[in-house]
């Protein structure tokens, strides 16, 4: 393999990182290899600028992570639902964080109608969110303001989608402690905004979506 095609520099960084962690916390990786006991499930965007652990300054093993384009939770997405089920029923996480970010390219493409191929089908879910809040979004002056508001509304909608799953409602009905949070991350300042849409019981689920 030519030097141009090699990722040896990343392997070297990995060795340095592992050695640094082990030096600061002797036995950390050995202990981590035995089990994972995270209290948080993070559902975030696949954007490379939004790394879950680093944003909240947590070590490996402390956050269970699922990421996709524009942090969407779809009731027919078995990938995402499998992660949620494992996190809730096996790991017994206490918090699920849906974290979007301002300036999200997927949200922008959905808002502007940009044709970007196969992903158009995925972004149709965000177009639905836009349709629900179109008057508020269209009332804003700049495209940036519109995108950022849709980023927020999208997170709030995905928090609702998580709460409507049988997985989460069954957990609440069992008396399991579980709260779903909606966050948005600012790429330009590294800060997280809490959107005030947390849900922690079936009382927070729309009556039309409550399961009996």
N, C-alpha and C. Protein backbone atom coordinates (compact mmCIF):
# COMPACT_ATOMS: atom_id res chain seq x y z
N UNK A 1 0.85 -1.20 0.00
CA UNK A 1 0.00 0.00 0.00
C UNK A 1 0.88 1.24 0.00
N UNK A 2 0.55 2.18 -0.86
CA UNK A 2 1.35 3.40 -0.93
C UNK A 2 1.14 4.23 0.32
N UNK A 3 2.12 5.09 0.61
CA UNK A 3 2.03 5.96 1.77
C UNK A 3 0.82 6.87 1.66
N UNK A 4 0.47 7.24 0.43
CA UNK A 4 -0.67 8.13 0.21
C UNK A 4 -1.98 7.47 0.65
N UNK A 5 -2.07 6.15 0.49
CA UNK A 5 -3.30 5.43 0.82
C UNK A 5 -3.33 4.89 2.24
N UNK A 6 -2.27 5.10 2.99
CA UNK A 6 -2.16 4.55 4.33
C UNK A 6 -2.82 5.45 5.37
N UNK A 7 -3.35 4.84 6.40
CA UNK A 7 -3.89 5.58 7.54
C UNK A 7 -3.03 5.34 8.78
N UNK A 8 -1.74 5.14 8.55
CA UNK A 8 -0.83 4.87 9.65
C UNK A 8 -0.83 6.01 10.66
N UNK A 9 -1.04 7.25 10.19
CA UNK A 9 -1.03 8.38 11.12
C UNK A 9 -2.18 8.27 12.11
N UNK A 10 -3.30 7.68 11.68
CA UNK A 10 -4.42 7.50 12.61
C UNK A 10 -4.12 6.37 13.60
N UNK A 11 -3.47 5.31 13.11
CA UNK A 11 -3.08 4.23 14.02
C UNK A 11 -2.10 4.72 15.06
N UNK A 12 -1.21 5.61 14.65
CA UNK A 12 -0.25 6.18 15.60
C UNK A 12 -0.96 7.06 16.63
N UNK A 13 -1.92 7.86 16.16
CA UNK A 13 -2.70 8.67 17.09
C UNK A 13 -3.46 7.79 18.08
N UNK A 14 -3.99 6.67 17.59
CA UNK A 14 -4.70 5.74 18.48
C UNK A 14 -3.79 5.19 19.55
N UNK A 15 -2.57 4.81 19.16
CA UNK A 15 -1.63 4.28 20.14
C UNK A 15 -1.30 5.33 21.19
N UNK A 16 -1.10 6.56 20.76
CA UNK A 16 -0.78 7.63 21.70
C UNK A 16 -1.96 7.91 22.63
N UNK A 17 -3.16 7.90 22.06
CA UNK A 17 -4.35 8.17 22.86
C UNK A 17 -4.56 7.08 23.91
N UNK A 18 -4.45 5.81 23.47
CA UNK A 18 -4.64 4.69 24.40
C UNK A 18 -3.61 4.72 25.52
N UNK A 19 -2.38 5.03 25.15
CA UNK A 19 -1.32 5.09 26.16
C UNK A 19 -1.58 6.23 27.14
N UNK A 20 -2.08 7.35 26.64
CA UNK A 20 -2.37 8.49 27.51
C UNK A 20 -3.48 8.19 28.50
N UNK A 21 -4.54 7.56 28.00
CA UNK A 21 -5.65 7.21 28.89
C UNK A 21 -5.21 6.20 29.94
N UNK A 22 -4.45 5.20 29.51
CA UNK A 22 -4.00 4.17 30.45
C UNK A 22 -3.06 4.76 31.49
N UNK A 23 -2.26 5.75 31.08
CA UNK A 23 -1.35 6.40 32.03
C UNK A 23 -2.12 7.18 33.09
N UNK A 24 -3.19 7.87 32.65
CA UNK A 24 -3.99 8.66 33.59
C UNK A 24 -4.90 7.80 34.45
N UNK A 25 -5.38 6.70 33.86
CA UNK A 25 -6.33 5.82 34.56
C UNK A 25 -5.90 4.37 34.38
N UNK A 26 -4.91 3.93 35.13
CA UNK A 26 -4.42 2.56 34.98
C UNK A 26 -5.55 1.53 35.13
N UNK A 27 -5.60 0.60 34.19
CA UNK A 27 -6.62 -0.44 34.21
C UNK A 27 -7.94 -0.03 33.59
N UNK A 28 -8.01 1.18 33.01
CA UNK A 28 -9.28 1.68 32.49
C UNK A 28 -9.84 0.78 31.39
N UNK A 29 -9.00 0.43 30.42
CA UNK A 29 -9.50 -0.35 29.29
C UNK A 29 -9.84 -1.78 29.69
N UNK A 30 -9.08 -2.34 30.62
CA UNK A 30 -9.38 -3.69 31.09
C UNK A 30 -10.74 -3.72 31.78
N UNK A 31 -11.00 -2.71 32.61
CA UNK A 31 -12.29 -2.63 33.29
C UNK A 31 -13.42 -2.38 32.29
N UNK A 32 -13.16 -1.50 31.32
CA UNK A 32 -14.17 -1.17 30.33
C UNK A 32 -14.54 -2.37 29.47
N UNK A 33 -13.57 -3.23 29.22
CA UNK A 33 -13.82 -4.39 28.37
C UNK A 33 -14.75 -5.41 29.03
N UNK A 34 -14.91 -5.33 30.33
CA UNK A 34 -15.74 -6.30 31.04
C UNK A 34 -17.22 -6.00 30.90
N UNK A 35 -17.58 -4.73 30.82
CA UNK A 35 -18.98 -4.37 30.72
C UNK A 35 -19.11 -2.90 30.33
N UNK A 36 -20.31 -2.54 29.84
CA UNK A 36 -20.63 -1.14 29.62
C UNK A 36 -21.88 -0.81 30.43
N UNK A 37 -21.82 0.29 31.16
CA UNK A 37 -22.96 0.69 32.00
C UNK A 37 -23.29 2.16 31.78
N UNK A 38 -23.54 2.56 30.56
CA UNK A 38 -23.87 3.97 30.31
C UNK A 38 -25.26 4.31 30.84
N UNK A 39 -25.43 5.54 31.25
CA UNK A 39 -26.75 6.00 31.68
C UNK A 39 -27.42 6.85 30.60
N UNK A 40 -26.72 7.05 29.47
CA UNK A 40 -27.21 7.96 28.44
C UNK A 40 -27.20 7.27 27.08
N UNK A 41 -28.32 7.40 26.36
CA UNK A 41 -28.36 7.08 24.94
C UNK A 41 -28.38 8.40 24.18
N UNK A 42 -27.48 8.55 23.25
CA UNK A 42 -27.36 9.77 22.43
C UNK A 42 -27.84 9.46 21.02
N UNK A 43 -28.86 10.15 20.57
CA UNK A 43 -29.31 10.04 19.18
C UNK A 43 -28.95 11.35 18.51
N UNK A 44 -27.94 11.31 17.65
CA UNK A 44 -27.42 12.55 17.08
C UNK A 44 -27.26 12.48 15.58
N UNK A 45 -26.80 13.58 15.03
CA UNK A 45 -26.54 13.67 13.60
C UNK A 45 -25.20 13.01 13.27
N UNK A 46 -25.11 12.47 12.06
CA UNK A 46 -23.87 11.82 11.63
C UNK A 46 -22.77 12.82 11.28
N UNK A 47 -23.08 14.10 11.32
CA UNK A 47 -22.11 15.14 11.00
C UNK A 47 -20.82 14.95 11.80
N UNK A 48 -19.69 15.00 11.10
CA UNK A 48 -18.40 14.73 11.74
C UNK A 48 -18.01 15.77 12.78
N UNK A 49 -18.70 16.91 12.77
CA UNK A 49 -18.36 17.99 13.71
C UNK A 49 -19.13 17.89 15.03
N UNK A 50 -19.93 16.83 15.18
CA UNK A 50 -20.77 16.72 16.37
C UNK A 50 -20.51 15.38 17.07
N UNK A 51 -19.33 15.23 17.69
CA UNK A 51 -18.99 13.98 18.37
C UNK A 51 -19.61 13.91 19.77
N UNK A 52 -20.38 12.87 20.02
CA UNK A 52 -21.18 12.80 21.24
C UNK A 52 -20.35 12.90 22.52
N UNK A 53 -19.38 12.00 22.69
CA UNK A 53 -18.62 11.98 23.95
C UNK A 53 -17.90 13.28 24.23
N UNK A 54 -17.26 13.84 23.20
CA UNK A 54 -16.46 15.04 23.40
C UNK A 54 -17.30 16.24 23.79
N UNK A 55 -18.50 16.35 23.22
CA UNK A 55 -19.34 17.51 23.49
C UNK A 55 -19.68 17.62 24.98
N UNK A 56 -19.93 16.48 25.61
CA UNK A 56 -20.29 16.48 27.03
C UNK A 56 -19.14 16.00 27.90
N UNK A 57 -17.95 15.88 27.30
CA UNK A 57 -16.72 15.57 28.03
C UNK A 57 -16.86 14.28 28.85
N UNK A 58 -17.32 13.21 28.19
CA UNK A 58 -17.44 11.92 28.85
C UNK A 58 -16.52 10.90 28.19
N UNK A 59 -16.09 9.93 28.96
CA UNK A 59 -15.16 8.91 28.48
C UNK A 59 -15.89 7.81 27.72
N UNK A 60 -15.13 6.99 26.98
CA UNK A 60 -15.73 5.80 26.37
C UNK A 60 -16.43 4.97 27.44
N UNK A 61 -17.59 4.42 27.10
CA UNK A 61 -18.34 3.62 28.05
C UNK A 61 -19.44 4.36 28.76
N UNK A 62 -19.47 5.69 28.61
CA UNK A 62 -20.44 6.49 29.35
C UNK A 62 -21.61 6.97 28.49
N UNK A 63 -21.50 6.81 27.17
CA UNK A 63 -22.59 7.22 26.28
C UNK A 63 -22.79 6.14 25.22
N UNK A 64 -24.03 5.66 25.10
CA UNK A 64 -24.40 4.72 24.04
C UNK A 64 -24.92 5.58 22.89
N UNK A 65 -24.43 5.35 21.66
CA UNK A 65 -24.63 6.33 20.60
C UNK A 65 -25.29 5.73 19.36
N UNK A 66 -26.27 6.46 18.84
CA UNK A 66 -26.82 6.18 17.51
C UNK A 66 -26.81 7.49 16.74
N UNK A 67 -26.31 7.45 15.50
CA UNK A 67 -26.25 8.67 14.69
C UNK A 67 -26.76 8.39 13.28
N UNK A 68 -27.46 9.36 12.73
CA UNK A 68 -27.90 9.27 11.34
C UNK A 68 -28.01 10.68 10.78
N UNK A 69 -28.35 10.80 9.51
CA UNK A 69 -28.48 12.11 8.90
C UNK A 69 -29.61 12.89 9.56
N UNK A 70 -29.28 14.01 10.18
CA UNK A 70 -30.24 14.95 10.78
C UNK A 70 -30.98 14.38 11.98
N UNK A 71 -30.37 13.43 12.69
CA UNK A 71 -30.89 12.92 13.96
C UNK A 71 -32.40 12.66 13.94
N UNK A 72 -32.81 11.83 12.99
CA UNK A 72 -34.23 11.53 12.79
C UNK A 72 -34.58 10.20 13.44
N UNK A 73 -35.73 10.14 14.10
CA UNK A 73 -36.23 8.91 14.69
C UNK A 73 -37.53 8.55 13.97
N UNK A 74 -37.46 7.52 13.15
CA UNK A 74 -38.59 7.11 12.32
C UNK A 74 -39.15 5.80 12.87
N UNK A 75 -40.46 5.71 12.97
CA UNK A 75 -41.08 4.54 13.59
C UNK A 75 -40.87 3.25 12.82
N UNK A 76 -40.44 3.35 11.58
CA UNK A 76 -40.17 2.14 10.78
C UNK A 76 -38.68 1.85 10.64
N UNK A 77 -37.83 2.62 11.30
CA UNK A 77 -36.38 2.44 11.20
C UNK A 77 -35.93 1.42 12.24
N UNK A 78 -35.77 0.17 11.81
CA UNK A 78 -35.42 -0.89 12.74
C UNK A 78 -34.01 -0.72 13.30
N UNK A 79 -33.15 -0.04 12.58
CA UNK A 79 -31.80 0.23 13.08
C UNK A 79 -31.88 1.08 14.34
N UNK A 80 -32.53 2.23 14.23
CA UNK A 80 -32.65 3.13 15.36
C UNK A 80 -33.45 2.49 16.51
N UNK A 81 -34.56 1.84 16.17
CA UNK A 81 -35.40 1.24 17.21
C UNK A 81 -34.67 0.12 17.94
N UNK A 82 -33.83 -0.62 17.23
CA UNK A 82 -33.04 -1.67 17.88
C UNK A 82 -32.08 -1.07 18.90
N UNK A 83 -31.47 0.05 18.54
CA UNK A 83 -30.58 0.74 19.46
C UNK A 83 -31.35 1.22 20.69
N UNK A 84 -32.51 1.82 20.46
CA UNK A 84 -33.33 2.31 21.57
C UNK A 84 -33.74 1.16 22.48
N UNK A 85 -34.17 0.06 21.88
CA UNK A 85 -34.60 -1.07 22.70
C UNK A 85 -33.46 -1.63 23.54
N UNK A 86 -32.30 -1.79 22.93
CA UNK A 86 -31.15 -2.33 23.68
C UNK A 86 -30.76 -1.38 24.80
N UNK A 87 -30.76 -0.09 24.49
CA UNK A 87 -30.37 0.90 25.50
C UNK A 87 -31.34 0.92 26.67
N UNK A 88 -32.64 0.86 26.37
CA UNK A 88 -33.66 0.97 27.41
C UNK A 88 -33.83 -0.34 28.18
N UNK A 89 -33.92 -1.46 27.46
CA UNK A 89 -34.28 -2.71 28.11
C UNK A 89 -33.09 -3.50 28.65
N UNK A 90 -31.93 -3.36 28.01
CA UNK A 90 -30.75 -4.12 28.46
C UNK A 90 -29.82 -3.25 29.28
N UNK A 91 -29.44 -2.09 28.73
CA UNK A 91 -28.52 -1.21 29.45
C UNK A 91 -29.21 -0.39 30.53
N UNK A 92 -30.52 -0.26 30.45
CA UNK A 92 -31.30 0.49 31.45
C UNK A 92 -30.83 1.94 31.55
N UNK A 93 -30.62 2.58 30.41
CA UNK A 93 -30.21 3.99 30.45
C UNK A 93 -31.30 4.82 31.13
N UNK A 94 -30.88 5.91 31.74
CA UNK A 94 -31.82 6.79 32.43
C UNK A 94 -32.18 8.02 31.60
N UNK A 95 -31.38 8.28 30.57
CA UNK A 95 -31.61 9.47 29.74
C UNK A 95 -31.42 9.12 28.27
N UNK A 96 -32.30 9.65 27.43
CA UNK A 96 -32.12 9.61 25.99
C UNK A 96 -32.03 11.06 25.52
N UNK A 97 -30.93 11.39 24.87
CA UNK A 97 -30.73 12.74 24.37
C UNK A 97 -30.83 12.72 22.85
N UNK A 98 -31.78 13.47 22.31
CA UNK A 98 -31.82 13.71 20.87
C UNK A 98 -31.12 15.04 20.65
N UNK A 99 -29.99 15.00 19.97
CA UNK A 99 -29.18 16.22 19.80
C UNK A 99 -29.00 16.55 18.33
N UNK A 100 -29.59 17.66 17.91
CA UNK A 100 -29.35 18.18 16.58
C UNK A 100 -28.27 19.25 16.63
N UNK A 101 -28.05 19.92 15.53
CA UNK A 101 -27.08 21.01 15.53
C UNK A 101 -27.49 22.08 14.53
N UNK A 102 -27.17 23.30 14.89
CA UNK A 102 -27.48 24.41 14.00
C UNK A 102 -26.66 24.28 12.71
N UNK A 103 -27.22 24.76 11.61
CA UNK A 103 -26.53 24.68 10.34
C UNK A 103 -26.47 23.29 9.76
N UNK A 104 -27.40 22.43 10.16
CA UNK A 104 -27.40 21.04 9.69
C UNK A 104 -27.66 20.99 8.18
N UNK A 105 -26.77 20.34 7.44
CA UNK A 105 -26.89 20.26 6.00
C UNK A 105 -28.13 19.50 5.56
N UNK A 106 -28.50 18.45 6.30
CA UNK A 106 -29.69 17.69 5.96
C UNK A 106 -30.95 18.52 6.13
N UNK A 107 -31.01 19.28 7.21
CA UNK A 107 -32.16 20.15 7.45
C UNK A 107 -32.24 21.22 6.38
N UNK A 108 -31.09 21.78 6.02
CA UNK A 108 -31.05 22.82 4.99
C UNK A 108 -31.54 22.27 3.65
N UNK A 109 -31.10 21.07 3.30
CA UNK A 109 -31.51 20.46 2.04
C UNK A 109 -33.02 20.21 2.02
N UNK A 110 -33.56 19.79 3.16
CA UNK A 110 -35.00 19.55 3.24
C UNK A 110 -35.77 20.85 3.10
N UNK A 111 -35.24 21.92 3.69
CA UNK A 111 -35.93 23.21 3.66
C UNK A 111 -35.91 23.84 2.27
N UNK A 112 -34.79 23.70 1.59
CA UNK A 112 -34.61 24.38 0.31
C UNK A 112 -35.02 23.54 -0.89
N UNK A 113 -35.33 22.26 -0.66
CA UNK A 113 -35.73 21.39 -1.77
C UNK A 113 -34.58 20.93 -2.63
N UNK A 114 -33.37 21.00 -2.09
CA UNK A 114 -32.18 20.59 -2.83
C UNK A 114 -32.26 19.10 -3.16
N UNK A 115 -31.95 18.74 -4.38
CA UNK A 115 -31.98 17.35 -4.81
C UNK A 115 -30.60 16.74 -4.59
N UNK A 116 -30.50 15.84 -3.61
CA UNK A 116 -29.20 15.24 -3.33
C UNK A 116 -29.26 13.72 -3.40
N UNK A 117 -30.20 13.21 -4.21
CA UNK A 117 -30.21 11.78 -4.50
C UNK A 117 -31.02 10.95 -3.52
N UNK A 118 -30.51 9.76 -3.23
CA UNK A 118 -31.22 8.80 -2.39
C UNK A 118 -31.66 9.39 -1.06
N UNK A 119 -30.84 10.25 -0.52
CA UNK A 119 -31.14 10.81 0.80
C UNK A 119 -32.41 11.66 0.79
N UNK A 120 -32.89 12.05 -0.38
CA UNK A 120 -34.15 12.79 -0.45
C UNK A 120 -35.27 12.06 0.27
N UNK A 121 -35.27 10.74 0.17
CA UNK A 121 -36.32 9.93 0.81
C UNK A 121 -36.24 10.05 2.33
N UNK A 122 -35.03 10.06 2.85
CA UNK A 122 -34.83 10.21 4.30
C UNK A 122 -35.24 11.60 4.76
N UNK A 123 -34.88 12.61 3.97
CA UNK A 123 -35.16 13.99 4.35
C UNK A 123 -36.64 14.34 4.24
N UNK A 124 -37.42 13.47 3.62
CA UNK A 124 -38.86 13.70 3.55
C UNK A 124 -39.46 13.79 4.94
N UNK A 125 -38.86 13.11 5.91
CA UNK A 125 -39.35 13.19 7.28
C UNK A 125 -39.18 14.60 7.84
N UNK A 126 -38.09 15.26 7.45
CA UNK A 126 -37.87 16.63 7.92
C UNK A 126 -38.77 17.60 7.17
N UNK A 127 -39.05 17.29 5.92
CA UNK A 127 -40.00 18.12 5.17
C UNK A 127 -41.37 18.10 5.86
N UNK A 128 -41.73 16.97 6.45
CA UNK A 128 -42.99 16.89 7.19
C UNK A 128 -42.97 17.83 8.39
N UNK A 129 -41.81 17.90 9.07
CA UNK A 129 -41.68 18.81 10.20
C UNK A 129 -41.80 20.26 9.72
N UNK A 130 -41.17 20.56 8.60
CA UNK A 130 -41.27 21.90 8.03
C UNK A 130 -42.72 22.25 7.72
N UNK A 131 -43.45 21.31 7.12
CA UNK A 131 -44.85 21.56 6.79
C UNK A 131 -45.67 21.89 8.04
N UNK A 132 -45.37 21.23 9.15
CA UNK A 132 -46.10 21.45 10.40
C UNK A 132 -45.85 22.83 10.98
N UNK A 133 -44.67 23.40 10.68
CA UNK A 133 -44.29 24.68 11.28
C UNK A 133 -43.96 25.73 10.21
N UNK A 134 -44.51 25.56 9.02
CA UNK A 134 -44.11 26.38 7.89
C UNK A 134 -44.36 27.87 8.11
N UNK A 135 -45.47 28.22 8.71
CA UNK A 135 -45.78 29.65 8.88
C UNK A 135 -44.76 30.33 9.77
N UNK A 136 -44.35 29.68 10.86
CA UNK A 136 -43.35 30.27 11.77
C UNK A 136 -41.99 30.38 11.09
N UNK A 137 -41.63 29.35 10.34
CA UNK A 137 -40.31 29.32 9.70
C UNK A 137 -40.25 30.33 8.56
N UNK A 138 -41.28 30.36 7.73
CA UNK A 138 -41.28 31.26 6.58
C UNK A 138 -41.34 32.73 7.00
N UNK A 139 -41.78 33.00 8.23
CA UNK A 139 -41.87 34.38 8.70
C UNK A 139 -40.51 34.98 9.01
N UNK A 140 -39.48 34.14 9.11
CA UNK A 140 -38.13 34.63 9.41
C UNK A 140 -37.49 35.19 8.15
N UNK A 141 -36.51 36.08 8.33
CA UNK A 141 -35.95 36.82 7.19
C UNK A 141 -34.87 36.06 6.44
N UNK A 142 -33.93 35.48 7.15
CA UNK A 142 -32.78 34.88 6.47
C UNK A 142 -32.89 33.36 6.43
N UNK A 143 -32.18 32.78 5.45
CA UNK A 143 -32.17 31.32 5.34
C UNK A 143 -31.55 30.70 6.58
N UNK A 144 -30.52 31.33 7.12
CA UNK A 144 -29.88 30.79 8.33
C UNK A 144 -30.88 30.70 9.48
N UNK A 145 -31.66 31.75 9.67
CA UNK A 145 -32.65 31.74 10.74
C UNK A 145 -33.67 30.64 10.52
N UNK A 146 -34.08 30.47 9.27
CA UNK A 146 -35.07 29.45 8.94
C UNK A 146 -34.51 28.06 9.20
N UNK A 147 -33.28 27.82 8.76
CA UNK A 147 -32.66 26.51 8.96
C UNK A 147 -32.51 26.22 10.45
N UNK A 148 -32.05 27.21 11.20
CA UNK A 148 -31.82 26.99 12.63
C UNK A 148 -33.13 26.71 13.38
N UNK A 149 -34.20 27.40 13.01
CA UNK A 149 -35.48 27.13 13.66
C UNK A 149 -35.98 25.73 13.29
N UNK A 150 -35.81 25.34 12.03
CA UNK A 150 -36.22 23.99 11.64
C UNK A 150 -35.36 22.94 12.34
N UNK A 151 -34.08 23.24 12.58
CA UNK A 151 -33.23 22.32 13.34
C UNK A 151 -33.83 22.09 14.73
N UNK A 152 -34.29 23.16 15.38
CA UNK A 152 -34.89 23.05 16.70
C UNK A 152 -36.20 22.28 16.65
N UNK A 153 -37.06 22.65 15.70
CA UNK A 153 -38.37 21.99 15.61
C UNK A 153 -38.20 20.52 15.25
N UNK A 154 -37.20 20.21 14.47
CA UNK A 154 -36.94 18.81 14.13
C UNK A 154 -36.57 18.01 15.37
N UNK A 155 -35.71 18.57 16.21
CA UNK A 155 -35.32 17.87 17.45
C UNK A 155 -36.55 17.63 18.32
N UNK A 156 -37.38 18.67 18.48
CA UNK A 156 -38.58 18.53 19.32
C UNK A 156 -39.48 17.43 18.78
N UNK A 157 -39.62 17.35 17.47
CA UNK A 157 -40.46 16.32 16.86
C UNK A 157 -39.86 14.93 17.08
N UNK A 158 -38.54 14.82 17.01
CA UNK A 158 -37.91 13.51 17.20
C UNK A 158 -37.99 13.07 18.66
N UNK A 159 -37.94 14.01 19.59
CA UNK A 159 -38.16 13.67 21.00
C UNK A 159 -39.55 13.08 21.17
N UNK A 160 -40.55 13.71 20.53
CA UNK A 160 -41.91 13.17 20.59
C UNK A 160 -41.97 11.78 19.99
N UNK A 161 -41.27 11.57 18.86
CA UNK A 161 -41.27 10.25 18.22
C UNK A 161 -40.68 9.18 19.14
N UNK A 162 -39.62 9.52 19.84
CA UNK A 162 -39.02 8.55 20.78
C UNK A 162 -40.03 8.20 21.87
N UNK A 163 -40.70 9.23 22.40
CA UNK A 163 -41.64 8.99 23.49
C UNK A 163 -42.83 8.16 23.06
N UNK A 164 -43.14 8.16 21.79
CA UNK A 164 -44.31 7.43 21.28
C UNK A 164 -44.04 5.96 21.02
N UNK A 165 -42.78 5.54 21.09
CA UNK A 165 -42.46 4.14 20.82
C UNK A 165 -42.98 3.25 21.95
N UNK A 166 -43.34 2.02 21.59
CA UNK A 166 -43.75 1.05 22.60
C UNK A 166 -42.61 0.76 23.56
N UNK A 167 -41.38 0.83 23.07
CA UNK A 167 -40.21 0.57 23.91
C UNK A 167 -40.19 1.50 25.10
N UNK A 168 -40.33 2.78 24.84
CA UNK A 168 -40.26 3.78 25.90
C UNK A 168 -41.51 3.75 26.78
N UNK A 169 -42.67 3.65 26.16
CA UNK A 169 -43.89 3.64 26.96
C UNK A 169 -43.98 2.40 27.85
N UNK A 170 -43.52 1.26 27.36
CA UNK A 170 -43.48 0.05 28.20
C UNK A 170 -42.56 0.26 29.39
N UNK A 171 -41.43 0.92 29.16
CA UNK A 171 -40.49 1.19 30.25
C UNK A 171 -41.13 2.07 31.31
N UNK A 172 -41.79 3.12 30.87
CA UNK A 172 -42.47 4.00 31.82
C UNK A 172 -43.56 3.25 32.59
N UNK A 173 -44.30 2.41 31.90
CA UNK A 173 -45.37 1.66 32.56
C UNK A 173 -44.81 0.65 33.56
N UNK A 174 -43.56 0.23 33.36
CA UNK A 174 -42.91 -0.65 34.34
C UNK A 174 -42.36 0.12 35.52
N UNK A 175 -42.42 1.44 35.43
CA UNK A 175 -41.87 2.27 36.51
C UNK A 175 -40.40 2.57 36.33
N UNK A 176 -39.86 2.31 35.13
CA UNK A 176 -38.45 2.56 34.88
C UNK A 176 -38.19 4.06 34.77
N UNK A 177 -37.11 4.51 35.39
CA UNK A 177 -36.73 5.92 35.34
C UNK A 177 -36.10 6.22 33.99
N UNK A 178 -36.73 7.10 33.21
CA UNK A 178 -36.24 7.40 31.86
C UNK A 178 -36.76 8.76 31.43
N UNK A 179 -35.85 9.62 31.02
CA UNK A 179 -36.22 10.96 30.54
C UNK A 179 -35.62 11.17 29.16
N UNK A 180 -36.42 11.75 28.27
CA UNK A 180 -35.97 12.06 26.91
C UNK A 180 -35.76 13.56 26.82
N UNK A 181 -34.61 13.97 26.32
CA UNK A 181 -34.23 15.38 26.25
C UNK A 181 -34.02 15.81 24.81
N UNK A 182 -34.27 17.09 24.53
CA UNK A 182 -34.00 17.66 23.22
C UNK A 182 -32.95 18.75 23.31
N UNK A 183 -31.85 18.56 22.59
CA UNK A 183 -30.74 19.52 22.61
C UNK A 183 -30.40 19.94 21.19
N UNK A 184 -29.82 21.14 21.08
CA UNK A 184 -29.23 21.58 19.82
C UNK A 184 -27.82 22.11 20.11
N UNK A 185 -26.88 21.69 19.29
CA UNK A 185 -25.47 22.03 19.47
C UNK A 185 -25.08 23.14 18.50
N UNK A 186 -24.33 24.11 19.00
CA UNK A 186 -23.85 25.20 18.15
C UNK A 186 -22.46 24.92 17.63
N UNK A 187 -22.34 24.77 16.32
CA UNK A 187 -21.03 24.50 15.72
C UNK A 187 -20.07 25.67 15.93
N UNK A 188 -20.62 26.89 16.03
CA UNK A 188 -19.77 28.07 16.08
C UNK A 188 -19.27 28.41 17.48
N UNK A 189 -19.85 27.75 18.51
CA UNK A 189 -19.39 28.07 19.87
C UNK A 189 -19.23 26.84 20.77
N UNK A 190 -19.60 25.67 20.27
CA UNK A 190 -19.43 24.45 21.05
C UNK A 190 -20.41 24.30 22.20
N UNK A 191 -21.44 25.13 22.25
CA UNK A 191 -22.38 25.10 23.36
C UNK A 191 -23.66 24.37 22.98
N UNK A 192 -24.27 23.75 23.99
CA UNK A 192 -25.53 23.04 23.80
C UNK A 192 -26.68 23.87 24.34
N UNK A 193 -27.78 23.91 23.60
CA UNK A 193 -29.00 24.58 24.05
C UNK A 193 -30.04 23.51 24.36
N UNK A 194 -30.63 23.58 25.54
CA UNK A 194 -31.69 22.68 25.95
C UNK A 194 -33.02 23.27 25.48
N UNK A 195 -33.85 22.48 24.80
CA UNK A 195 -35.03 23.03 24.15
C UNK A 195 -36.30 22.99 24.99
N UNK A 196 -36.21 22.49 26.21
CA UNK A 196 -37.37 22.51 27.08
C UNK A 196 -38.50 21.61 26.64
N UNK A 197 -38.17 20.49 26.02
CA UNK A 197 -39.20 19.57 25.52
C UNK A 197 -39.06 18.18 26.14
N UNK A 198 -38.43 18.10 27.31
CA UNK A 198 -38.17 16.81 27.95
C UNK A 198 -39.46 16.07 28.25
N UNK A 199 -39.38 14.75 28.17
CA UNK A 199 -40.53 13.88 28.46
C UNK A 199 -40.06 12.77 29.39
N UNK A 200 -40.85 12.52 30.44
CA UNK A 200 -40.41 11.54 31.43
C UNK A 200 -41.52 10.58 31.89
N UNK A 201 -42.69 10.64 31.26
CA UNK A 201 -43.76 9.70 31.58
C UNK A 201 -44.77 9.68 30.45
N UNK A 202 -45.69 8.71 30.51
CA UNK A 202 -46.72 8.63 29.47
C UNK A 202 -47.65 9.84 29.51
N UNK A 203 -47.66 10.56 30.63
CA UNK A 203 -48.46 11.79 30.68
C UNK A 203 -47.96 12.83 29.69
N UNK A 204 -46.68 12.71 29.28
CA UNK A 204 -46.09 13.65 28.33
C UNK A 204 -46.31 13.25 26.88
N UNK A 205 -46.98 12.12 26.67
CA UNK A 205 -47.25 11.64 25.32
C UNK A 205 -48.65 12.09 24.90
N UNK A 206 -48.78 12.52 23.66
CA UNK A 206 -50.10 12.93 23.16
C UNK A 206 -51.10 11.79 23.37
N UNK A 207 -52.32 12.09 23.82
CA UNK A 207 -53.31 11.04 24.05
C UNK A 207 -53.50 10.13 22.84
N UNK A 208 -53.41 10.68 21.64
CA UNK A 208 -53.59 9.87 20.44
C UNK A 208 -52.49 8.85 20.24
N UNK A 209 -51.36 9.03 20.92
CA UNK A 209 -50.22 8.12 20.74
C UNK A 209 -49.90 7.30 21.98
N UNK A 210 -50.70 7.43 23.02
CA UNK A 210 -50.48 6.62 24.22
C UNK A 210 -50.92 5.18 23.97
N UNK A 211 -50.12 4.25 24.47
CA UNK A 211 -50.41 2.84 24.31
C UNK A 211 -50.96 2.28 25.62
N UNK A 212 -51.91 1.39 25.51
CA UNK A 212 -52.54 0.81 26.71
C UNK A 212 -52.27 -0.69 26.79
